[in-house]
C-alpha atoms as a PDB file:
ATOM      1  CA  UNK A   1     -86.858 -67.924-214.348  1.00  0.00           C
ATOM      2  CA  UNK A   2     -88.509 -65.239-212.223  1.00  0.00           C
ATOM      3  CA  UNK A   3     -91.365 -67.612-211.555  1.00  0.00           C
ATOM      4  CA  UNK A   4     -88.993 -70.264-210.202  1.00  0.00           C
ATOM      5  CA  UNK A   5     -87.291 -67.613-208.100  1.00  0.00           C
ATOM      6  CA  UNK A   6     -90.693 -66.527-206.704  1.00  0.00           C
ATOM      7  CA  UNK A   7     -91.547 -70.149-205.802  1.00  0.00           C
ATOM      8  CA  UNK A   8     -88.195 -70.596-204.086  1.00  0.00           C
ATOM      9  CA  UNK A   9     -88.698 -67.385-202.104  1.00  0.00           C
ATOM     10  CA  UNK A  10     -92.234 -68.467-201.212  1.00  0.00           C
ATOM     11  CA  UNK A  11     -91.039 -71.904-200.061  1.00  0.00           C
ATOM     12  CA  UNK A  12     -88.219 -70.260-198.104  1.00  0.00           C
ATOM     13  CA  UNK A  13     -90.707 -67.983-196.338  1.00  0.00           C
ATOM     14  CA  UNK A  14     -92.889 -70.984-195.481  1.00  0.00           C
ATOM     15  CA  UNK A  15     -89.802 -72.801-194.182  1.00  0.00           C
ATOM     16  CA  UNK A  16     -88.922 -69.855-191.962  1.00  0.00           C
ATOM     17  CA  UNK A  17     -92.477 -69.692-190.592  1.00  0.00           C
ATOM     18  CA  UNK A  18     -92.500 -73.451-189.926  1.00  0.00           C
ATOM     19  CA  UNK A  19     -89.102 -73.121-188.216  1.00  0.00           C
ATOM     20  CA  UNK A  20     -90.365 -70.316-185.978  1.00  0.00           C
ATOM     21  CA  UNK A  21     -93.460 -72.352-185.051  1.00  0.00           C
ATOM     22  CA  UNK A  22     -91.280 -75.354-184.190  1.00  0.00           C
ATOM     23  CA  UNK A  23     -89.013 -73.183-182.012  1.00  0.00           C
ATOM     24  CA  UNK A  24     -92.064 -71.797-180.176  1.00  0.00           C
ATOM     25  CA  UNK A  25     -93.403 -75.314-179.613  1.00  0.00           C
ATOM     26  CA  UNK A  26     -90.010 -76.433-178.306  1.00  0.00           C
ATOM     27  CA  UNK A  27     -89.888 -73.473-175.913  1.00  0.00           C
ATOM     28  CA  UNK A  28     -93.360 -74.321-174.615  1.00  0.00           C
ATOM     29  CA  UNK A  29     -92.355 -77.943-174.106  1.00  0.00           C
ATOM     30  CA  UNK A  30     -89.211 -76.873-172.260  1.00  0.00           C
ATOM     31  CA  UNK A  31     -91.283 -74.587-170.021  1.00  0.00           C
ATOM     32  CA  UNK A  32     -93.665 -77.438-169.179  1.00  0.00           C
ATOM     33  CA  UNK A  33     -90.760 -79.753-168.394  1.00  0.00           C
ATOM     34  CA  UNK A  34     -89.151 -77.119-166.199  1.00  0.00           C
ATOM     35  CA  UNK A  35     -92.420 -76.577-164.312  1.00  0.00           C
ATOM     36  CA  UNK A  36     -92.762 -80.321-163.807  1.00  0.00           C
ATOM     37  CA  UNK A  37     -89.186 -80.575-162.526  1.00  0.00           C
ATOM     38  CA  UNK A  38     -89.768 -77.713-160.095  1.00  0.00           C
ATOM     39  CA  UNK A  39     -92.992 -79.308-158.866  1.00  0.00           C
ATOM     40  CA  UNK A  40     -91.233 -82.646-158.435  1.00  0.00           C
ATOM     41  CA  UNK A  41     -88.403 -81.071-156.456  1.00  0.00           C
ATOM     42  CA  UNK A  42     -90.882 -79.230-154.249  1.00  0.00           C
ATOM     43  CA  UNK A  43     -92.769 -82.459-153.662  1.00  0.00           C
ATOM     44  CA  UNK A  44     -89.619 -84.425-152.788  1.00  0.00           C
ATOM     45  CA  UNK A  45     -88.522 -81.694-150.379  1.00  0.00           C
ATOM     46  CA  UNK A  46     -91.987 -81.589-148.792  1.00  0.00           C
ATOM     47  CA  UNK A  47     -91.994 -85.366-148.357  1.00  0.00           C
ATOM     48  CA  UNK A  48     -88.598 -85.251-146.673  1.00  0.00           C
ATOM     49  CA  UNK A  49     -89.720 -82.407-144.421  1.00  0.00           C
ATOM     50  CA  UNK A  50     -92.898 -84.251-143.475  1.00  0.00           C
ATOM     51  CA  UNK A  51     -90.971 -87.381-142.591  1.00  0.00           C
ATOM     52  CA  UNK A  52     -88.522 -85.490-140.397  1.00  0.00           C
ATOM     53  CA  UNK A  53     -91.271 -83.445-138.720  1.00  0.00           C
ATOM     54  CA  UNK A  54     -93.635 -86.248-137.844  1.00  0.00           C
ATOM     55  CA  UNK A  55     -91.028 -88.867-137.000  1.00  0.00           C
ATOM     56  CA  UNK A  56     -90.581 -92.384-138.271  1.00  0.00           C
ATOM     57  CA  UNK A  57     -93.280 -93.962-136.065  1.00  0.00           C
ATOM     58  CA  UNK A  58     -96.116 -91.608-136.847  1.00  0.00           C
ATOM     59  CA  UNK A  59     -98.493 -94.420-137.788  1.00  0.00           C
ATOM     60  CA  UNK A  60     -98.679 -95.446-134.109  1.00  0.00           C
ATOM     61  CA  UNK A  61     -99.674 -91.892-133.150  1.00  0.00           C
ATOM     62  CA  UNK A  62    -102.296 -91.787-135.892  1.00  0.00           C
ATOM     63  CA  UNK A  63    -103.724 -95.166-134.890  1.00  0.00           C
ATOM     64  CA  UNK A  64    -103.890 -94.017-131.269  1.00  0.00           C
ATOM     65  CA  UNK A  65    -105.718 -90.808-132.278  1.00  0.00           C
ATOM     66  CA  UNK A  66    -108.193 -92.763-134.392  1.00  0.00           C
ATOM     67  CA  UNK A  67    -108.885 -95.218-131.590  1.00  0.00           C
ATOM     68  CA  UNK A  68    -109.944 -92.343-129.335  1.00  0.00           C
ATOM     69  CA  UNK A  69    -107.120 -92.747-126.813  1.00  0.00           C
ATOM     70  CA  UNK A  70    -105.514 -89.672-125.290  1.00  0.00           C
ATOM     71  CA  UNK A  71    -102.284 -88.596-126.986  1.00  0.00           C
ATOM     72  CA  UNK A  72     -99.151 -87.764-125.032  1.00  0.00           C
ATOM     73  CA  UNK A  73     -97.690 -84.271-125.384  1.00  0.00           C
ATOM     74  CA  UNK A  74     -95.018 -85.536-127.790  1.00  0.00           C
ATOM     75  CA  UNK A  75     -97.681 -87.311-129.859  1.00  0.00           C
ATOM     76  CA  UNK A  76     -99.718 -84.104-129.962  1.00  0.00           C
ATOM     77  CA  UNK A  77     -96.634 -82.282-131.266  1.00  0.00           C
ATOM     78  CA  UNK A  78     -96.260 -84.958-133.972  1.00  0.00           C
ATOM     79  CA  UNK A  79     -99.939 -84.671-134.827  1.00  0.00           C
ATOM     80  CA  UNK A  80     -99.772 -80.875-135.003  1.00  0.00           C
ATOM     81  CA  UNK A  81     -96.645 -80.973-137.175  1.00  0.00           C
ATOM     82  CA  UNK A  82     -98.201 -83.466-139.555  1.00  0.00           C
ATOM     83  CA  UNK A  83    -101.487 -81.546-139.740  1.00  0.00           C
ATOM     84  CA  UNK A  84     -99.574 -78.340-140.494  1.00  0.00           C
ATOM     85  CA  UNK A  85     -97.638 -80.155-143.206  1.00  0.00           C
ATOM     86  CA  UNK A  86    -100.941 -81.261-144.766  1.00  0.00           C
ATOM     87  CA  UNK A  87    -102.024 -77.615-144.792  1.00  0.00           C
ATOM     88  CA  UNK A  88     -98.770 -76.626-146.469  1.00  0.00           C
ATOM     89  CA  UNK A  89     -99.148 -79.428-148.987  1.00  0.00           C
ATOM     90  CA  UNK A  90    -102.668 -78.352-149.894  1.00  0.00           C
ATOM     91  CA  UNK A  91    -101.506 -74.752-150.235  1.00  0.00           C
ATOM     92  CA  UNK A  92     -98.669 -75.887-152.514  1.00  0.00           C
ATOM     93  CA  UNK A  93    -101.050 -77.995-154.600  1.00  0.00           C
ATOM     94  CA  UNK A  94    -103.414 -75.053-154.973  1.00  0.00           C
ATOM     95  CA  UNK A  95    -100.548 -72.800-156.029  1.00  0.00           C
ATOM     96  CA  UNK A  96     -99.266 -75.356-158.566  1.00  0.00           C
ATOM     97  CA  UNK A  97    -102.758 -75.945-159.947  1.00  0.00           C
ATOM     98  CA  UNK A  98    -103.251 -72.182-160.246  1.00  0.00           C
ATOM     99  CA  UNK A  99     -99.971 -71.933-162.168  1.00  0.00           C
ATOM    100  CA  UNK A 100    -101.129 -74.673-164.537  1.00  0.00           C
ATOM    101  CA  UNK A 101     -98.518 -77.191-163.402  1.00  0.00           C
ATOM    102  CA  UNK A 102    -101.127 -79.649-162.096  1.00  0.00           C
ATOM    103  CA  UNK A 103    -104.511 -80.023-163.706  1.00  0.00           C
ATOM    104  CA  UNK A 104    -106.282 -81.653-160.755  1.00  0.00           C
ATOM    105  CA  UNK A 105    -108.221 -79.556-158.286  1.00  0.00           C
ATOM    106  CA  UNK A 106    -106.322 -79.179-155.007  1.00  0.00           C
ATOM    107  CA  UNK A 107    -109.543 -79.914-153.112  1.00  0.00           C
ATOM    108  CA  UNK A 108    -109.565 -83.485-154.376  1.00  0.00           C
ATOM    109  CA  UNK A 109    -106.000 -84.163-153.323  1.00  0.00           C
ATOM    110  CA  UNK A 110    -105.132 -85.995-150.098  1.00  0.00           C
ATOM    111  CA  UNK A 111    -108.744 -87.009-149.484  1.00  0.00           C
ATOM    112  CA  UNK A 112    -107.853 -90.353-147.934  1.00  0.00           C
ATOM    113  CA  UNK A 113    -104.983 -88.987-145.868  1.00  0.00           C
ATOM    114  CA  UNK A 114    -107.107 -86.078-144.730  1.00  0.00           C
ATOM    115  CA  UNK A 115    -109.834 -88.472-143.577  1.00  0.00           C
ATOM    116  CA  UNK A 116    -107.310 -90.670-141.786  1.00  0.00           C
ATOM    117  CA  UNK A 117    -105.747 -87.674-140.048  1.00  0.00           C
ATOM    118  CA  UNK A 118    -108.700 -85.458-139.157  1.00  0.00           C
ATOM    119  CA  UNK A 119    -111.695 -87.801-138.854  1.00  0.00           C
ATOM    120  CA  UNK A 120    -111.188 -88.310-135.120  1.00  0.00           C
ATOM    121  CA  UNK A 121    -111.534 -86.324-131.889  1.00  0.00           C
ATOM    122  CA  UNK A 122    -107.991 -84.926-131.999  1.00  0.00           C
ATOM    123  CA  UNK A 123    -108.264 -83.985-135.680  1.00  0.00           C
ATOM    124  CA  UNK A 124    -111.576 -82.206-135.300  1.00  0.00           C
ATOM    125  CA  UNK A 125    -110.254 -80.360-132.249  1.00  0.00           C
ATOM    126  CA  UNK A 126    -107.171 -79.320-134.212  1.00  0.00           C
ATOM    127  CA  UNK A 127    -109.331 -77.935-137.037  1.00  0.00           C
ATOM    128  CA  UNK A 128    -111.561 -76.007-134.615  1.00  0.00           C
ATOM    129  CA  UNK A 129    -108.560 -74.638-132.733  1.00  0.00           C
ATOM    130  CA  UNK A 130    -106.944 -73.452-135.972  1.00  0.00           C
ATOM    131  CA  UNK A 131    -110.175 -71.862-137.210  1.00  0.00           C
ATOM    132  CA  UNK A 132    -110.859 -70.140-133.892  1.00  0.00           C
ATOM    133  CA  UNK A 133    -107.341 -68.753-133.511  1.00  0.00           C
ATOM    134  CA  UNK A 134    -106.965 -67.579-137.066  1.00  0.00           C
ATOM    135  CA  UNK A 135    -106.489 -63.825-137.001  1.00  0.00           C
ATOM    136  CA  UNK A 136    -106.255 -63.536-140.744  1.00  0.00           C
ATOM    137  CA  UNK A 137    -109.982 -63.287-141.423  1.00  0.00           C
ATOM    138  CA  UNK A 138    -112.264 -64.831-144.041  1.00  0.00           C
ATOM    139  CA  UNK A 139    -111.020 -65.495-147.555  1.00  0.00           C
ATOM    140  CA  UNK A 140    -107.455 -66.058-146.408  1.00  0.00           C
ATOM    141  CA  UNK A 141    -105.680 -69.092-147.854  1.00  0.00           C
ATOM    142  CA  UNK A 142    -105.280 -70.869-144.513  1.00  0.00           C
ATOM    143  CA  UNK A 143    -108.955 -70.422-143.615  1.00  0.00           C
ATOM    144  CA  UNK A 144    -110.082 -71.633-147.039  1.00  0.00           C
ATOM    145  CA  UNK A 145    -107.979 -74.765-146.674  1.00  0.00           C
ATOM    146  CA  UNK A 146    -109.184 -75.389-143.120  1.00  0.00           C
ATOM    147  CA  UNK A 147    -112.810 -74.951-144.169  1.00  0.00           C
ATOM    148  CA  UNK A 148    -112.307 -77.362-147.077  1.00  0.00           C
ATOM    149  CA  UNK A 149    -110.702 -79.932-144.781  1.00  0.00           C
ATOM    150  CA  UNK A 150    -113.580 -79.497-142.326  1.00  0.00           C
ATOM    151  CA  UNK A 151    -116.113 -80.139-145.128  1.00  0.00           C
ATOM    152  CA  UNK A 152    -114.241 -83.248-146.261  1.00  0.00           C
ATOM    153  CA  UNK A 153    -114.010 -84.661-142.733  1.00  0.00           C
ATOM    154  CA  UNK A 154    -117.800 -84.573-142.455  1.00  0.00           C
ATOM    155  CA  UNK A 155    -117.976 -86.834-145.541  1.00  0.00           C
ATOM    156  CA  UNK A 156    -115.264 -89.287-144.435  1.00  0.00           C
ATOM    157  CA  UNK A 157    -116.153 -92.975-144.330  1.00  0.00           C
ATOM    158  CA  UNK A 158    -115.177 -95.020-141.272  1.00  0.00           C
ATOM    159  CA  UNK A 159    -111.425 -95.309-140.969  1.00  0.00           C
ATOM    160  CA  UNK A 160    -109.832 -98.540-142.083  1.00  0.00           C
ATOM    161  CA  UNK A 161    -107.622 -98.569-139.019  1.00  0.00           C
ATOM    162  CA  UNK A 162    -110.609 -98.432-136.666  1.00  0.00           C
ATOM    163  CA  UNK A 163    -112.515-101.315-138.270  1.00  0.00           C
ATOM    164  CA  UNK A 164    -112.494-104.526-136.260  1.00  0.00           C
ATOM    165  CA  UNK A 165    -111.475-107.759-137.956  1.00  0.00           C
ATOM    166  CA  UNK A 166    -113.690-110.856-137.816  1.00  0.00           C
ATOM    167  CA  UNK A 167    -111.200-112.470-135.416  1.00  0.00           C
ATOM    168  CA  UNK A 168    -111.661-109.677-132.868  1.00  0.00           C
ATOM    169  CA  UNK A 169    -115.478-109.761-132.970  1.00  0.00           C
END
């Protein structure tokens, strides 16, 4: 009888340990889901902010910048606002990757959009202006992001929007 009692106690202890492990796993899963929800909310808010900052017709401004035409003052404001939002987005991505929410490297994110935005005269001037007026010094988040964008721009292929179609040639 004592032997049966010992087995029951042993099985009960194993059951308690398994239960604790399952609770820990559930807590970890809940934490991951919460992090994902926070990241999603941040992303949705950023997208809404970017749309309101750059306006609804930003593609015309971007196409004009890529074609080499001079931008109007209002278009320069749109460009600046959008470029700043890209910086904020990259900073957010780096923070989320550092917190383990995203597994991808922030440097690989927005490559195409970064090329479309900065691989032109206005974009390069914007980068140089930001780097030259930065009073924060080396190793600061903003400088690191600007330097990474500058490196990526040098590797950008020709822009799709600046390619001529066969009909135009």
